[in-house]
N, C-alpha and C. Protein backbone atom coordinates (compact mmCIF):
# COMPACT_ATOMS: atom_id res chain seq x y z
N MET A 1 151.49 118.21 91.04
CA MET A 1 150.68 119.33 91.45
C MET A 1 151.07 120.59 90.68
N LYS A 2 152.36 120.84 90.55
CA LYS A 2 152.82 122.03 89.86
C LYS A 2 152.49 121.95 88.38
N ASP A 3 152.53 120.73 87.84
CA ASP A 3 152.22 120.57 86.42
C ASP A 3 150.76 120.93 86.14
N LYS A 4 149.85 120.57 87.03
CA LYS A 4 148.44 120.89 86.84
C LYS A 4 148.21 122.40 86.88
N LYS A 5 148.92 123.09 87.79
CA LYS A 5 148.79 124.53 87.88
C LYS A 5 149.32 125.21 86.61
N LYS A 6 150.43 124.67 86.11
CA LYS A 6 151.01 125.24 84.90
C LYS A 6 150.09 125.03 83.70
N ILE A 7 149.49 123.85 83.62
CA ILE A 7 148.57 123.55 82.52
C ILE A 7 147.32 124.44 82.62
N ALA A 8 146.80 124.60 83.84
CA ALA A 8 145.63 125.45 84.03
C ALA A 8 145.94 126.90 83.67
N ALA A 9 147.11 127.38 84.04
CA ALA A 9 147.50 128.75 83.71
C ALA A 9 147.68 128.91 82.21
N ALA A 10 148.25 127.92 81.56
CA ALA A 10 148.45 127.99 80.11
C ALA A 10 147.10 127.98 79.39
N LEU A 11 146.18 127.13 79.84
CA LEU A 11 144.85 127.09 79.22
C LEU A 11 144.09 128.40 79.43
N ALA A 12 144.22 128.98 80.62
CA ALA A 12 143.56 130.26 80.89
C ALA A 12 144.13 131.35 79.99
N ALA A 13 145.44 131.32 79.78
CA ALA A 13 146.07 132.30 78.91
C ALA A 13 145.60 132.15 77.47
N VAL A 14 145.48 130.91 77.01
CA VAL A 14 145.02 130.67 75.63
C VAL A 14 143.58 131.13 75.46
N VAL A 15 142.72 130.82 76.43
CA VAL A 15 141.32 131.22 76.35
C VAL A 15 141.22 132.75 76.36
N ASN A 16 141.99 133.40 77.21
CA ASN A 16 141.99 134.86 77.27
C ASN A 16 142.47 135.45 75.95
N TYR A 17 143.49 134.87 75.36
CA TYR A 17 144.00 135.35 74.08
C TYR A 17 142.94 135.21 72.98
N ILE A 18 142.24 134.09 72.97
CA ILE A 18 141.20 133.88 71.96
C ILE A 18 140.06 134.89 72.14
N LYS A 19 139.65 135.15 73.39
CA LYS A 19 138.58 136.11 73.64
C LYS A 19 138.97 137.50 73.18
N THR A 20 140.19 137.92 73.47
CA THR A 20 140.62 139.26 73.05
C THR A 20 140.74 139.34 71.54
N ALA A 21 141.15 138.26 70.90
CA ALA A 21 141.23 138.26 69.44
C ALA A 21 139.84 138.38 68.82
N GLU A 22 138.85 137.71 69.40
CA GLU A 22 137.47 137.80 68.91
C GLU A 22 136.92 139.21 69.10
N GLU A 23 137.20 139.82 70.25
CA GLU A 23 136.73 141.18 70.50
C GLU A 23 137.37 142.17 69.52
N ASP A 24 138.64 141.98 69.23
CA ASP A 24 139.32 142.87 68.30
C ASP A 24 138.71 142.78 66.92
N THR A 25 138.38 141.58 66.47
CA THR A 25 137.80 141.44 65.13
C THR A 25 136.38 141.99 65.10
N SER A 26 135.62 141.86 66.19
CA SER A 26 134.26 142.40 66.19
C SER A 26 134.30 143.91 66.16
N ILE A 27 135.23 144.53 66.85
CA ILE A 27 135.37 145.98 66.80
C ILE A 27 135.79 146.41 65.40
N TYR A 28 136.70 145.68 64.81
CA TYR A 28 137.15 146.00 63.46
C TYR A 28 136.00 145.87 62.47
N ASP A 29 135.19 144.83 62.59
CA ASP A 29 134.05 144.65 61.69
C ASP A 29 133.04 145.79 61.87
N ALA A 30 132.82 146.22 63.10
CA ALA A 30 131.87 147.30 63.35
C ALA A 30 132.36 148.61 62.74
N LEU A 31 133.66 148.82 62.75
CA LEU A 31 134.19 150.05 62.19
C LEU A 31 134.22 150.02 60.67
N THR A 32 134.47 148.88 60.08
CA THR A 32 134.59 148.80 58.62
C THR A 32 133.24 148.64 57.94
N ASN A 33 132.23 148.11 58.63
CA ASN A 33 130.91 147.92 58.06
C ASN A 33 129.88 148.70 58.87
N PRO A 34 129.81 150.02 58.68
CA PRO A 34 128.86 150.80 59.47
C PRO A 34 127.42 150.48 59.07
N VAL A 35 126.52 150.65 60.01
CA VAL A 35 125.10 150.40 59.76
C VAL A 35 124.54 151.59 59.00
N VAL A 36 123.86 151.31 57.92
CA VAL A 36 123.29 152.37 57.10
C VAL A 36 121.92 152.75 57.66
N ALA A 37 121.69 154.05 57.81
CA ALA A 37 120.41 154.52 58.33
C ALA A 37 119.32 154.31 57.29
N PRO A 38 118.12 153.99 57.74
CA PRO A 38 117.02 153.80 56.78
C PRO A 38 116.67 155.14 56.12
N PRO A 39 116.10 155.10 54.94
CA PRO A 39 115.74 156.34 54.27
C PRO A 39 114.62 157.05 55.01
N PRO A 40 114.54 158.38 54.88
CA PRO A 40 113.47 159.09 55.59
C PRO A 40 112.10 158.76 55.02
N ARG A 41 111.11 158.78 55.87
CA ARG A 41 109.74 158.49 55.44
C ARG A 41 109.11 159.78 54.94
N LEU A 42 109.00 159.87 53.64
CA LEU A 42 108.57 161.12 53.03
C LEU A 42 107.12 161.45 53.34
N TRP A 43 106.26 160.44 53.44
CA TRP A 43 104.86 160.71 53.74
C TRP A 43 104.71 161.28 55.14
N GLY A 44 105.47 160.77 56.07
CA GLY A 44 105.40 161.29 57.44
C GLY A 44 105.92 162.71 57.52
N ILE A 45 107.02 162.98 56.83
CA ILE A 45 107.58 164.33 56.83
C ILE A 45 106.59 165.31 56.21
N SER A 46 105.98 164.90 55.11
CA SER A 46 105.01 165.76 54.43
C SER A 46 103.81 166.05 55.33
N GLY A 47 103.32 165.05 56.04
CA GLY A 47 102.17 165.24 56.93
C GLY A 47 102.50 166.19 58.06
N ARG A 48 103.67 166.04 58.67
CA ARG A 48 104.06 166.95 59.75
C ARG A 48 104.24 168.37 59.24
N GLN A 49 104.80 168.50 58.06
CA GLN A 49 105.00 169.83 57.49
C GLN A 49 103.65 170.51 57.22
N THR A 50 102.68 169.76 56.73
CA THR A 50 101.35 170.30 56.49
C THR A 50 100.70 170.76 57.78
N GLN A 51 100.83 169.96 58.84
CA GLN A 51 100.27 170.34 60.14
C GLN A 51 100.92 171.62 60.66
N MET A 52 102.22 171.75 60.51
CA MET A 52 102.90 172.95 60.98
C MET A 52 102.45 174.18 60.18
N GLN A 53 102.27 174.02 58.87
CA GLN A 53 101.82 175.14 58.07
C GLN A 53 100.41 175.56 58.47
N LEU A 54 99.52 174.61 58.72
CA LEU A 54 98.16 174.92 59.13
C LEU A 54 98.14 175.65 60.46
N ARG A 55 98.94 175.19 61.42
CA ARG A 55 99.01 175.87 62.71
C ARG A 55 99.55 177.29 62.56
N ASN A 56 100.55 177.45 61.70
CA ASN A 56 101.11 178.78 61.47
C ASN A 56 100.06 179.70 60.87
N LEU A 57 99.29 179.22 59.90
CA LEU A 57 98.25 180.03 59.30
C LEU A 57 97.17 180.39 60.32
N MET A 58 96.81 179.45 61.18
CA MET A 58 95.80 179.72 62.21
C MET A 58 96.31 180.78 63.19
N GLN A 59 97.58 180.71 63.57
CA GLN A 59 98.14 181.69 64.48
C GLN A 59 98.17 183.07 63.83
N LEU A 60 98.54 183.15 62.57
CA LEU A 60 98.57 184.45 61.88
C LEU A 60 97.17 185.04 61.80
N LYS A 61 96.19 184.18 61.54
CA LYS A 61 94.80 184.65 61.44
C LYS A 61 94.33 185.15 62.81
N ALA A 62 94.70 184.47 63.88
CA ALA A 62 94.30 184.87 65.22
C ALA A 62 94.97 186.19 65.60
N LEU A 63 96.21 186.42 65.20
CA LEU A 63 96.91 187.64 65.54
C LEU A 63 96.36 188.84 64.75
N GLN A 64 95.86 188.62 63.55
CA GLN A 64 95.34 189.71 62.75
C GLN A 64 94.05 190.25 63.35
N ARG A 65 93.30 189.45 64.06
CA ARG A 65 92.04 189.89 64.67
C ARG A 65 92.28 190.87 65.82
N LEU A 66 93.43 190.73 66.47
CA LEU A 66 93.73 191.61 67.60
C LEU A 66 94.11 192.95 67.04
């Protein structure tokens, strides 16, 4: 009976050790190989900038009438 408990405890310890070793390597891989952000979408930025400029011009025109 005691031998089975000892074997079960030893197996649990080995499994726990393997899990922590895998977690350590995954954290290390995440730190050493960072994810690169995709490049900015220039067409989208240009379109938004054009819309903002048009709104600004419309606001200036509306303020000049007052």
